[in-house]
PDB file of N, CA and C in Angstrom:
ATOM      1  N   UNK A   1       0.874  -1.117   0.016  1.00  0.00           N
ATOM      2  CA  UNK A   1      -0.044  -0.041   0.018  1.00  0.00           C
ATOM      3  C   UNK A   1       0.844   1.226   0.037  1.00  0.00           C
ATOM      4  N   UNK A   2       0.696   2.128  -0.946  1.00  0.00           N
ATOM      5  CA  UNK A   2       1.347   3.351  -1.013  1.00  0.00           C
ATOM      6  C   UNK A   2       0.919   4.439  -0.067  1.00  0.00           C
ATOM      7  N   UNK A   3       1.664   5.381   0.466  1.00  0.00           N
ATOM      8  CA  UNK A   3       1.244   6.329   1.401  1.00  0.00           C
ATOM      9  C   UNK A   3       0.725   7.584   0.402  1.00  0.00           C
ATOM     10  N   UNK A   4      -0.405   7.999   0.724  1.00  0.00           N
ATOM     11  CA  UNK A   4      -1.017   9.176   0.127  1.00  0.00           C
ATOM     12  C   UNK A   4      -0.113  10.443   0.409  1.00  0.00           C
ATOM     13  N   UNK A   5       0.035  11.225  -0.582  1.00  0.00           N
ATOM     14  CA  UNK A   5       0.911  12.517  -0.460  1.00  0.00           C
ATOM     15  C   UNK A   5      -0.122  13.446   0.183  1.00  0.00           C
ATOM     16  N   UNK A   6       0.485  14.244   1.142  1.00  0.00           N
ATOM     17  CA  UNK A   6      -0.429  15.208   1.879  1.00  0.00           C
ATOM     18  C   UNK A   6      -0.891  16.344   0.977  1.00  0.00           C
ATOM     19  N   UNK A   7      -2.115  16.858   1.332  1.00  0.00           N
ATOM     20  CA  UNK A   7      -2.560  18.062   0.634  1.00  0.00           C
ATOM     21  C   UNK A   7      -1.690  19.233   0.829  1.00  0.00           C
ATOM     22  N   UNK A   8      -1.924  20.366   0.152  1.00  0.00           N
ATOM     23  CA  UNK A   8      -1.100  21.563   0.359  1.00  0.00           C
ATOM     24  C   UNK A   8      -1.168  22.013   1.759  1.00  0.00           C
ATOM     25  N   UNK A   9      -2.430  22.043   2.359  1.00  0.00           N
ATOM     26  CA  UNK A   9      -2.610  22.464   3.702  1.00  0.00           C
ATOM     27  C   UNK A   9      -1.835  21.626   4.666  1.00  0.00           C
ATOM     28  N   UNK A  10      -1.925  20.404   4.443  1.00  0.00           N
ATOM     29  CA  UNK A  10      -1.199  19.389   5.475  1.00  0.00           C
ATOM     30  C   UNK A  10       0.284  19.596   5.351  1.00  0.00           C
ATOM     31  N   UNK A  11       0.835  19.666   4.073  1.00  0.00           N
ATOM     32  CA  UNK A  11       2.243  19.920   3.950  1.00  0.00           C
ATOM     33  C   UNK A  11       2.704  21.096   4.496  1.00  0.00           C
ATOM     34  N   UNK A  12       1.956  22.303   4.195  1.00  0.00           N
ATOM     35  CA  UNK A  12       2.280  23.501   4.791  1.00  0.00           C
ATOM     36  C   UNK A  12       2.376  23.569   6.289  1.00  0.00           C
ATOM     37  N   UNK A  13       1.303  22.972   6.826  1.00  0.00           N
ATOM     38  CA  UNK A  13       1.165  22.839   8.348  1.00  0.00           C
ATOM     39  C   UNK A  13       2.525  22.094   8.943  1.00  0.00           C
ATOM     40  N   UNK A  14       2.848  20.963   8.268  1.00  0.00           N
ATOM     41  CA  UNK A  14       3.936  20.205   8.788  1.00  0.00           C
ATOM     42  C   UNK A  14       5.255  21.072   8.655  1.00  0.00           C
ATOM     43  N   UNK A  15       5.338  21.739   7.572  1.00  0.00           N
ATOM     44  CA  UNK A  15       6.467  22.619   7.278  1.00  0.00           C
ATOM     45  C   UNK A  15       6.518  23.683   8.324  1.00  0.00           C
ATOM     46  N   UNK A  16       5.456  24.285   8.602  1.00  0.00           N
ATOM     47  CA  UNK A  16       5.452  25.310   9.724  1.00  0.00           C
ATOM     48  C   UNK A  16       5.803  24.708  11.127  1.00  0.00           C
ATOM     49  N   UNK A  17       5.375  23.540  11.338  1.00  0.00           N
ATOM     50  CA  UNK A  17       5.670  22.689  12.587  1.00  0.00           C
ATOM     51  C   UNK A  17       7.180  22.471  12.729  1.00  0.00           C
ATOM     52  N   UNK A  18       7.808  22.184  11.603  1.00  0.00           N
ATOM     53  CA  UNK A  18       9.273  21.908  11.536  1.00  0.00           C
ATOM     54  C   UNK A  18      10.106  23.184  11.789  1.00  0.00           C
ATOM     55  N   UNK A  19       9.602  24.379  11.207  1.00  0.00           N
ATOM     56  CA  UNK A  19      10.208  25.613  11.437  1.00  0.00           C
ATOM     57  C   UNK A  19      10.173  25.970  12.853  1.00  0.00           C
ATOM     58  N   UNK A  20       8.981  25.764  13.523  1.00  0.00           N
ATOM     59  CA  UNK A  20       8.814  26.028  15.000  1.00  0.00           C
ATOM     60  C   UNK A  20       9.742  25.227  15.839  1.00  0.00           C
ATOM     61  N   UNK A  21       9.944  23.942  15.410  1.00  0.00           N
ATOM     62  CA  UNK A  21      10.998  23.139  16.270  1.00  0.00           C
ATOM     63  C   UNK A  21      12.278  23.662  16.151  1.00  0.00           C
ATOM     64  N   UNK A  22      12.752  24.223  14.962  1.00  0.00           N
ATOM     65  CA  UNK A  22      14.061  24.849  14.911  1.00  0.00           C
ATOM     66  C   UNK A  22      14.113  26.015  15.820  1.00  0.00           C
ATOM     67  N   UNK A  23      13.001  26.888  15.780  1.00  0.00           N
ATOM     68  CA  UNK A  23      13.033  28.035  16.585  1.00  0.00           C
ATOM     69  C   UNK A  23      12.950  27.759  18.095  1.00  0.00           C
ATOM     70  N   UNK A  24      12.285  26.752  18.572  1.00  0.00           N
ATOM     71  CA  UNK A  24      11.978  26.491  19.885  1.00  0.00           C
ATOM     72  C   UNK A  24      12.952  25.527  20.642  1.00  0.00           C
ATOM     73  N   UNK A  25      13.708  24.745  19.934  1.00  0.00           N
ATOM     74  CA  UNK A  25      14.621  23.684  20.540  1.00  0.00           C
ATOM     75  C   UNK A  25      15.919  23.915  20.133  1.00  0.00           C
ATOM     76  N   UNK A  26      16.919  23.259  20.958  1.00  0.00           N
ATOM     77  CA  UNK A  26      18.228  23.241  20.612  1.00  0.00           C
ATOM     78  C   UNK A  26      18.457  21.939  19.805  1.00  0.00           C
ATOM     79  N   UNK A  27      18.526  21.967  18.570  1.00  0.00           N
ATOM     80  CA  UNK A  27      18.488  20.763  17.662  1.00  0.00           C
ATOM     81  C   UNK A  27      19.892  20.401  17.301  1.00  0.00           C
ATOM     82  N   UNK A  28      20.171  19.164  17.587  1.00  0.00           N
ATOM     83  CA  UNK A  28      21.471  18.554  17.245  1.00  0.00           C
ATOM     84  C   UNK A  28      21.629  18.510  15.674  1.00  0.00           C
ATOM     85  N   UNK A  29      22.896  18.311  15.337  1.00  0.00           N
ATOM     86  CA  UNK A  29      23.244  18.220  13.836  1.00  0.00           C
ATOM     87  C   UNK A  29      22.411  17.145  13.119  1.00  0.00           C
ATOM     88  N   UNK A  30      22.438  16.024  13.630  1.00  0.00           N
ATOM     89  CA  UNK A  30      21.688  14.921  12.902  1.00  0.00           C
ATOM     90  C   UNK A  30      20.356  15.153  12.695  1.00  0.00           C
ATOM     91  N   UNK A  31      19.599  15.745  13.791  1.00  0.00           N
ATOM     92  CA  UNK A  31      18.205  16.000  13.738  1.00  0.00           C
ATOM     93  C   UNK A  31      18.010  17.189  12.729  1.00  0.00           C
ATOM     94  N   UNK A  32      18.989  18.140  12.703  1.00  0.00           N
ATOM     95  CA  UNK A  32      18.702  19.344  11.927  1.00  0.00           C
ATOM     96  C   UNK A  32      18.734  18.744  10.408  1.00  0.00           C
ATOM     97  N   UNK A  33      19.625  17.842  10.077  1.00  0.00           N
ATOM     98  CA  UNK A  33      19.710  17.300   8.783  1.00  0.00           C
ATOM     99  C   UNK A  33      18.357  16.628   8.345  1.00  0.00           C
ATOM    100  N   UNK A  34      17.855  15.859   9.238  1.00  0.00           N
ATOM    101  CA  UNK A  34      16.602  15.135   9.063  1.00  0.00           C
ATOM    102  C   UNK A  34      15.412  16.085   8.852  1.00  0.00           C
ATOM    103  N   UNK A  35      15.347  17.219   9.763  1.00  0.00           N
ATOM    104  CA  UNK A  35      14.508  18.286   9.539  1.00  0.00           C
ATOM    105  C   UNK A  35      14.521  18.973   8.180  1.00  0.00           C
ATOM    106  N   UNK A  36      15.769  19.197   7.821  1.00  0.00           N
ATOM    107  CA  UNK A  36      16.094  19.715   6.522  1.00  0.00           C
ATOM    108  C   UNK A  36      15.546  19.021   5.353  1.00  0.00           C
ATOM    109  N   UNK A  37      15.671  17.732   5.448  1.00  0.00           N
ATOM    110  CA  UNK A  37      15.277  16.822   4.324  1.00  0.00           C
ATOM    111  C   UNK A  37      13.718  16.760   4.343  1.00  0.00           C
ATOM    112  N   UNK A  38      13.151  16.675   5.424  1.00  0.00           N
ATOM    113  CA  UNK A  38      11.630  16.587   5.592  1.00  0.00           C
ATOM    114  C   UNK A  38      11.100  17.924   5.015  1.00  0.00           C
ATOM    115  N   UNK A  39      11.760  19.157   5.445  1.00  0.00           N
ATOM    116  CA  UNK A  39      11.292  20.429   5.029  1.00  0.00           C
ATOM    117  C   UNK A  39      11.464  20.566   3.503  1.00  0.00           C
ATOM    118  N   UNK A  40      12.464  20.112   2.929  1.00  0.00           N
ATOM    119  CA  UNK A  40      12.625  20.288   1.485  1.00  0.00           C
ATOM    120  C   UNK A  40      11.602  19.398   0.767  1.00  0.00           C
ATOM    121  N   UNK A  41      11.265  18.336   1.272  1.00  0.00           N
ATOM    122  CA  UNK A  41      10.277  17.373   0.696  1.00  0.00           C
ATOM    123  C   UNK A  41       8.914  18.061   0.727  1.00  0.00           C
ATOM    124  N   UNK A  42       8.576  18.613   2.051  1.00  0.00           N
ATOM    125  CA  UNK A  42       7.226  19.306   2.081  1.00  0.00           C
ATOM    126  C   UNK A  42       7.238  20.498   1.238  1.00  0.00           C
ATOM    127  N   UNK A  43       8.331  21.337   1.192  1.00  0.00           N
ATOM    128  CA  UNK A  43       8.341  22.563   0.228  1.00  0.00           C
ATOM    129  C   UNK A  43       8.046  22.156  -1.186  1.00  0.00           C
ATOM    130  N   UNK A  44       8.637  21.010  -1.676  1.00  0.00           N
ATOM    131  CA  UNK A  44       8.436  20.609  -3.006  1.00  0.00           C
ATOM    132  C   UNK A  44       6.919  20.087  -3.165  1.00  0.00           C
ATOM    133  N   UNK A  45       6.443  19.460  -2.247  1.00  0.00           N
ATOM    134  CA  UNK A  45       4.997  19.173  -2.385  1.00  0.00           C
ATOM    135  C   UNK A  45       4.104  20.452  -2.465  1.00  0.00           C
ATOM    136  N   UNK A  46       4.361  21.490  -1.614  1.00  0.00           N
ATOM    137  CA  UNK A  46       3.647  22.670  -1.657  1.00  0.00           C
ATOM    138  C   UNK A  46       3.733  23.347  -3.032  1.00  0.00           C
ATOM    139  N   UNK A  47       5.109  23.301  -3.592  1.00  0.00           N
ATOM    140  CA  UNK A  47       5.329  23.950  -4.887  1.00  0.00           C
ATOM    141  C   UNK A  47       4.541  23.236  -5.963  1.00  0.00           C
ATOM    142  N   UNK A  48       4.545  21.892  -5.813  1.00  0.00           N
ATOM    143  CA  UNK A  48       3.822  21.179  -6.937  1.00  0.00           C
ATOM    144  C   UNK A  48       2.248  21.439  -6.857  1.00  0.00           C
ATOM    145  N   UNK A  49       1.750  21.484  -5.650  1.00  0.00           N
ATOM    146  CA  UNK A  49       0.337  21.761  -5.534  1.00  0.00           C
ATOM    147  C   UNK A  49      -0.092  23.055  -6.046  1.00  0.00           C
ATOM    148  N   UNK A  50       0.803  24.050  -5.675  1.00  0.00           N
ATOM    149  CA  UNK A  50       0.492  25.498  -6.069  1.00  0.00           C
ATOM    150  C   UNK A  50       0.520  25.599  -7.702  1.00  0.00           C
ATOM    151  N   UNK A  51       1.512  24.929  -8.271  1.00  0.00           N
ATOM    152  CA  UNK A  51       1.620  24.789  -9.735  1.00  0.00           C
ATOM    153  C   UNK A  51       0.421  24.170 -10.323  1.00  0.00           C
ATOM    154  N   UNK A  52      -0.147  23.174  -9.681  1.00  0.00           N
ATOM    155  CA  UNK A  52      -1.263  22.471 -10.223  1.00  0.00           C
ATOM    156  C   UNK A  52      -2.528  23.373 -10.161  1.00  0.00           C
ATOM    157  N   UNK A  53      -2.687  24.074  -9.086  1.00  0.00           N
ATOM    158  CA  UNK A  53      -3.769  25.109  -9.000  1.00  0.00           C
ATOM    159  C   UNK A  53      -3.791  26.169  -9.939  1.00  0.00           C
ATOM    160  N   UNK A  54      -2.449  26.732 -10.046  1.00  0.00           N
ATOM    161  CA  UNK A  54      -2.222  27.729 -11.055  1.00  0.00           C
ATOM    162  C   UNK A  54      -2.556  27.296 -12.412  1.00  0.00           C
ATOM    163  N   UNK A  55      -2.155  26.131 -12.835  1.00  0.00           N
ATOM    164  CA  UNK A  55      -2.585  25.623 -14.087  1.00  0.00           C
ATOM    165  C   UNK A  55      -4.098  25.426 -14.299  1.00  0.00           C
ATOM    166  N   UNK A  56      -4.836  24.977 -13.276  1.00  0.00           N
ATOM    167  CA  UNK A  56      -6.156  24.810 -13.329  1.00  0.00           C
ATOM    168  C   UNK A  56      -6.870  26.219 -13.536  1.00  0.00           C
ATOM    169  N   UNK A  57      -6.437  27.281 -12.728  1.00  0.00           N
ATOM    170  CA  UNK A  57      -6.914  28.468 -12.858  1.00  0.00           C
ATOM    171  C   UNK A  57      -6.799  29.080 -14.316  1.00  0.00           C
ATOM    172  N   UNK A  58      -5.464  28.917 -14.878  1.00  0.00           N
ATOM    173  CA  UNK A  58      -5.258  29.396 -16.236  1.00  0.00           C
ATOM    174  C   UNK A  58      -6.212  28.671 -17.180  1.00  0.00           C
ATOM    175  N   UNK A  59      -6.451  27.425 -17.029  1.00  0.00           N
ATOM    176  CA  UNK A  59      -7.398  26.645 -17.957  1.00  0.00           C
ATOM    177  C   UNK A  59      -8.778  27.214 -17.753  1.00  0.00           C
ATOM    178  N   UNK A  60      -9.188  27.519 -16.612  1.00  0.00           N
ATOM    179  CA  UNK A  60     -10.527  28.050 -16.363  1.00  0.00           C
ATOM    180  C   UNK A  60     -10.604  29.403 -17.104  1.00  0.00           C
ATOM    181  N   UNK A  61      -9.598  30.325 -17.012  1.00  0.00           N
ATOM    182  CA  UNK A  61      -9.613  31.639 -17.577  1.00  0.00           C
ATOM    183  C   UNK A  61      -9.597  31.484 -19.082  1.00  0.00           C
ATOM    184  N   UNK A  62      -8.817  30.626 -19.594  1.00  0.00           N
ATOM    185  CA  UNK A  62      -8.825  30.333 -21.121  1.00  0.00           C
ATOM    186  C   UNK A  62     -10.160  29.995 -21.510  1.00  0.00           C
ATOM    187  N   UNK A  63     -10.783  29.041 -20.831  1.00  0.00           N
ATOM    188  CA  UNK A  63     -12.010  28.534 -21.228  1.00  0.00           C
ATOM    189  C   UNK A  63     -13.184  29.667 -21.457  1.00  0.00           C
ATOM    190  N   UNK A  64     -13.157  30.503 -20.438  1.00  0.00           N
ATOM    191  CA  UNK A  64     -14.111  31.597 -20.401  1.00  0.00           C
ATOM    192  C   UNK A  64     -13.727  32.836 -21.291  1.00  0.00           C
ATOM    193  N   UNK A  65     -12.458  32.968 -21.531  1.00  0.00           N
ATOM    194  CA  UNK A  65     -11.926  34.015 -22.514  1.00  0.00           C
ATOM    195  C   UNK A  65     -12.272  33.657 -23.894  1.00  0.00           C
ATOM    196  N   UNK A  66     -12.256  32.316 -24.146  1.00  0.00           N
ATOM    197  CA  UNK A  66     -12.456  31.806 -25.613  1.00  0.00           C
ATOM    198  C   UNK A  66     -13.899  31.865 -25.738  1.00  0.00           C
ATOM    199  N   UNK A  67     -14.865  31.759 -24.846  1.00  0.00           N
ATOM    200  CA  UNK A  67     -16.277  31.701 -25.058  1.00  0.00           C
ATOM    201  C   UNK A  67     -16.848  33.099 -25.031  1.00  0.00           C
ATOM    202  N   UNK A  68     -16.085  34.220 -24.838  1.00  0.00           N
ATOM    203  CA  UNK A  68     -16.491  35.465 -24.900  1.00  0.00           C
ATOM    204  C   UNK A  68     -17.497  35.883 -23.934  1.00  0.00           C
ATOM    205  N   UNK A  69     -17.302  35.333 -22.731  1.00  0.00           N
ATOM    206  CA  UNK A  69     -18.316  35.655 -21.611  1.00  0.00           C
ATOM    207  C   UNK A  69     -17.807  36.767 -20.835  1.00  0.00           C
TER     208      UNK A  69
END
């Protein structure tokens, strides 16, 4: 069974939680690297989701611009 990729909101919240951990705790080097990797993965998911939404919005705009509404 494959793990479902988080939604934009879920990924953004997890990214925010990671940044708060960095701010509030004395994080050791190994943990920092783990957090960095997780953060980059979550940022990538957010970027991908935003691109998908932007593409959808552009398609909707094109659809209605072509129909002269």
